[in-house]
């Protein structure tokens, strides 16, 4: 029986390192479980989850050209109930973002913020000048900000 990606096997932990664990598989082969594939939660110390000599259920998640076998403990333990739970919306944590405005909902490169467009015929020259100056200052500030960032205008030692 050859090992194939997706196969779920039993193996014995033969060694533990800071980045994962080595597991002895049937047919005298061995593979590695990366620390990120040990548990569904954050793993800072792999020794809190498994020890040398433990028998673990692993899933083959990859075999590279050099013949190295990548394994996962957490994927081998998944069942349909867990998958439904993971795909269900979370009750806590971050909420979904509001959709981004589509093209055409901006005026002059900046979002409109509660301003109703006025009829240009009803505006006085002073009002038009104030609007032009405010828009001009805003655009210049954006240009200065972007060019400073690109040119690396920070002081170098």
Protein backbone atom coordinates (compact mmCIF):
# COMPACT_ATOMS: atom_id res chain seq x y z
CA UNK A 1 0.00 0.00 0.00
CA UNK A 2 1.55 3.30 -1.06
CA UNK A 3 0.97 6.48 0.87
CA UNK A 4 -1.37 8.92 -0.85
CA UNK A 5 -2.43 12.44 0.00
CA UNK A 6 -5.62 12.33 2.05
CA UNK A 7 -4.92 8.98 3.71
CA UNK A 8 -5.54 8.80 7.46
CA UNK A 9 -3.06 6.58 9.34
CA UNK A 10 -1.88 5.67 12.83
CA UNK A 11 1.72 6.43 13.66
CA UNK A 12 4.11 6.66 16.58
CA UNK A 13 5.85 9.93 17.52
CA UNK A 14 9.59 9.29 17.24
CA UNK A 15 10.96 12.78 17.77
CA UNK A 16 9.93 16.29 18.73
CA UNK A 17 11.57 19.54 17.64
CA UNK A 18 10.68 23.19 18.09
CA UNK A 19 8.94 23.27 14.71
CA UNK A 20 7.10 19.95 14.75
CA UNK A 21 7.12 16.24 15.42
CA UNK A 22 8.37 13.25 13.46
CA UNK A 23 6.00 10.31 13.17
CA UNK A 24 6.87 6.74 12.20
CA UNK A 25 4.35 5.42 9.65
CA UNK A 26 3.59 1.92 8.35
CA UNK A 27 5.97 0.39 5.76
CA UNK A 28 8.96 1.88 7.61
CA UNK A 29 8.32 5.41 6.39
CA UNK A 30 8.25 8.56 8.49
CA UNK A 31 6.71 11.97 8.10
CA UNK A 32 6.62 15.28 9.89
CA UNK A 33 3.74 17.09 11.56
CA UNK A 34 4.41 20.85 11.53
CA UNK A 35 3.60 22.66 14.78
CA UNK A 36 0.76 24.51 13.01
CA UNK A 37 -0.89 21.16 12.18
CA UNK A 38 -0.92 19.76 15.73
CA UNK A 39 -4.08 21.40 17.11
CA UNK A 40 -6.84 23.81 16.10
CA UNK A 41 -5.63 26.27 18.75
CA UNK A 42 -2.33 28.16 18.95
CA UNK A 43 0.55 25.85 19.88
CA UNK A 44 3.52 27.56 21.52
CA UNK A 45 5.03 24.37 22.97
CA UNK A 46 4.36 21.18 21.06
CA UNK A 47 5.25 19.10 24.12
CA UNK A 48 2.02 20.27 25.77
CA UNK A 49 0.05 18.35 23.13
CA UNK A 50 2.13 15.26 22.28
CA UNK A 51 5.10 13.34 23.68
CA UNK A 52 7.64 10.97 22.18
CA UNK A 53 6.22 7.47 22.03
CA UNK A 54 2.58 8.60 21.69
CA UNK A 55 0.48 6.89 19.05
CA UNK A 56 -1.30 9.51 16.99
CA UNK A 57 -3.79 9.53 14.16
CA UNK A 58 -2.44 11.58 11.24
CA UNK A 59 -3.58 12.60 7.78
CA UNK A 60 -1.18 12.81 4.84
CA UNK A 61 -1.48 16.37 3.52
CA UNK A 62 1.43 16.38 1.12
CA UNK A 63 4.33 14.47 -0.38
CA UNK A 64 7.01 16.57 -2.05
CA UNK A 65 9.40 15.66 -4.88
CA UNK A 66 12.11 14.66 -2.40
CA UNK A 67 9.72 12.10 -0.86
CA UNK A 68 9.15 13.99 2.38
CA UNK A 69 5.74 13.33 3.87
CA UNK A 70 3.79 16.19 5.45
CA UNK A 71 1.26 15.15 8.07
CA UNK A 72 -1.53 16.77 10.08
CA UNK A 73 -2.99 15.69 13.39
CA UNK A 74 -5.74 18.33 13.48
CA UNK A 75 -7.04 17.45 10.00
CA UNK A 76 -7.17 13.77 10.89
CA UNK A 77 -9.46 14.53 13.84
CA UNK A 78 -11.98 16.58 11.88
CA UNK A 79 -15.44 15.18 11.55
CA UNK A 80 -18.51 16.61 9.78
CA UNK A 81 -19.86 18.17 13.01
CA UNK A 82 -16.62 20.14 13.47
CA UNK A 83 -16.69 21.33 9.86
CA UNK A 84 -20.25 22.65 10.28
CA UNK A 85 -19.24 24.35 13.49
CA UNK A 86 -16.25 25.99 11.81
CA UNK A 87 -18.32 27.24 8.87
CA UNK A 88 -21.08 28.59 11.12
CA UNK A 89 -20.86 32.31 11.96
CA UNK A 90 -19.04 33.08 15.17
CA UNK A 91 -20.90 34.63 18.03
CA UNK A 92 -17.94 36.68 19.25
CA UNK A 93 -14.94 38.34 17.74
CA UNK A 94 -14.83 40.64 14.78
CA UNK A 95 -17.88 41.62 12.81
CA UNK A 96 -18.03 41.77 9.06
CA UNK A 97 -16.89 44.95 7.40
CA UNK A 98 -19.21 47.19 5.49
CA UNK A 99 -18.79 46.79 1.73
CA UNK A 100 -16.36 49.14 0.06
CA UNK A 101 -17.88 51.96 -1.97
CA UNK A 102 -18.01 51.25 -5.66
CA UNK A 103 -16.44 53.38 -8.31
CA UNK A 104 -18.47 56.50 -8.90
CA UNK A 105 -19.47 56.95 -5.26
CA UNK A 106 -16.48 59.23 -4.69
CA UNK A 107 -16.12 62.83 -5.65
CA UNK A 108 -12.67 64.23 -6.25
CA UNK A 109 -10.95 61.09 -4.89
CA UNK A 110 -12.50 61.48 -1.44
CA UNK A 111 -15.74 60.00 -0.13
CA UNK A 112 -18.63 62.37 0.29
CA UNK A 113 -19.40 62.81 3.96
CA UNK A 114 -22.98 63.89 4.35
CA UNK A 115 -22.67 66.87 2.00
CA UNK A 116 -25.53 67.40 -0.38
CA UNK A 117 -24.36 68.65 -3.77
CA UNK A 118 -25.58 72.18 -4.28
CA UNK A 119 -26.73 73.74 -7.49
CA UNK A 120 -23.68 75.65 -8.83
CA UNK A 121 -25.97 78.47 -9.99
CA UNK A 122 -27.09 79.14 -6.41
CA UNK A 123 -23.54 79.46 -5.03
CA UNK A 124 -21.81 82.79 -4.70
CA UNK A 125 -18.28 83.37 -5.94
CA UNK A 126 -16.96 83.27 -2.34
CA UNK A 127 -18.64 79.88 -1.70
CA UNK A 128 -17.20 78.47 -4.90
CA UNK A 129 -13.75 79.82 -3.99
CA UNK A 130 -13.93 78.29 -0.49
CA UNK A 131 -14.91 74.90 -1.93
CA UNK A 132 -12.12 75.08 -4.50
CA UNK A 133 -9.50 76.03 -1.89
CA UNK A 134 -10.58 73.26 0.50
CA UNK A 135 -10.51 70.66 -2.26
CA UNK A 136 -7.16 71.96 -3.51
CA UNK A 137 -5.59 71.80 -0.03
CA UNK A 138 -6.87 68.28 0.46
CA UNK A 139 -5.45 67.10 -2.85
CA UNK A 140 -2.10 68.76 -2.21
CA UNK A 141 -1.88 67.13 1.22
CA UNK A 142 -2.52 63.74 -0.38
CA UNK A 143 0.13 64.37 -3.03
CA UNK A 144 2.69 65.50 -0.42
CA UNK A 145 1.94 62.48 1.74
CA UNK A 146 2.36 60.03 -1.14
CA UNK A 147 5.52 61.60 -2.55
CA UNK A 148 7.15 61.83 0.90
CA UNK A 149 6.46 58.17 1.47
CA UNK A 150 7.78 57.11 -1.93
CA UNK A 151 10.93 59.22 -1.93
CA UNK A 152 11.95 58.24 1.58
CA UNK A 153 12.26 61.80 2.81
CA UNK A 154 13.06 60.66 6.32
CA UNK A 155 16.36 61.72 7.71
CA UNK A 156 19.06 59.12 7.23
CA UNK A 157 22.02 58.77 9.57
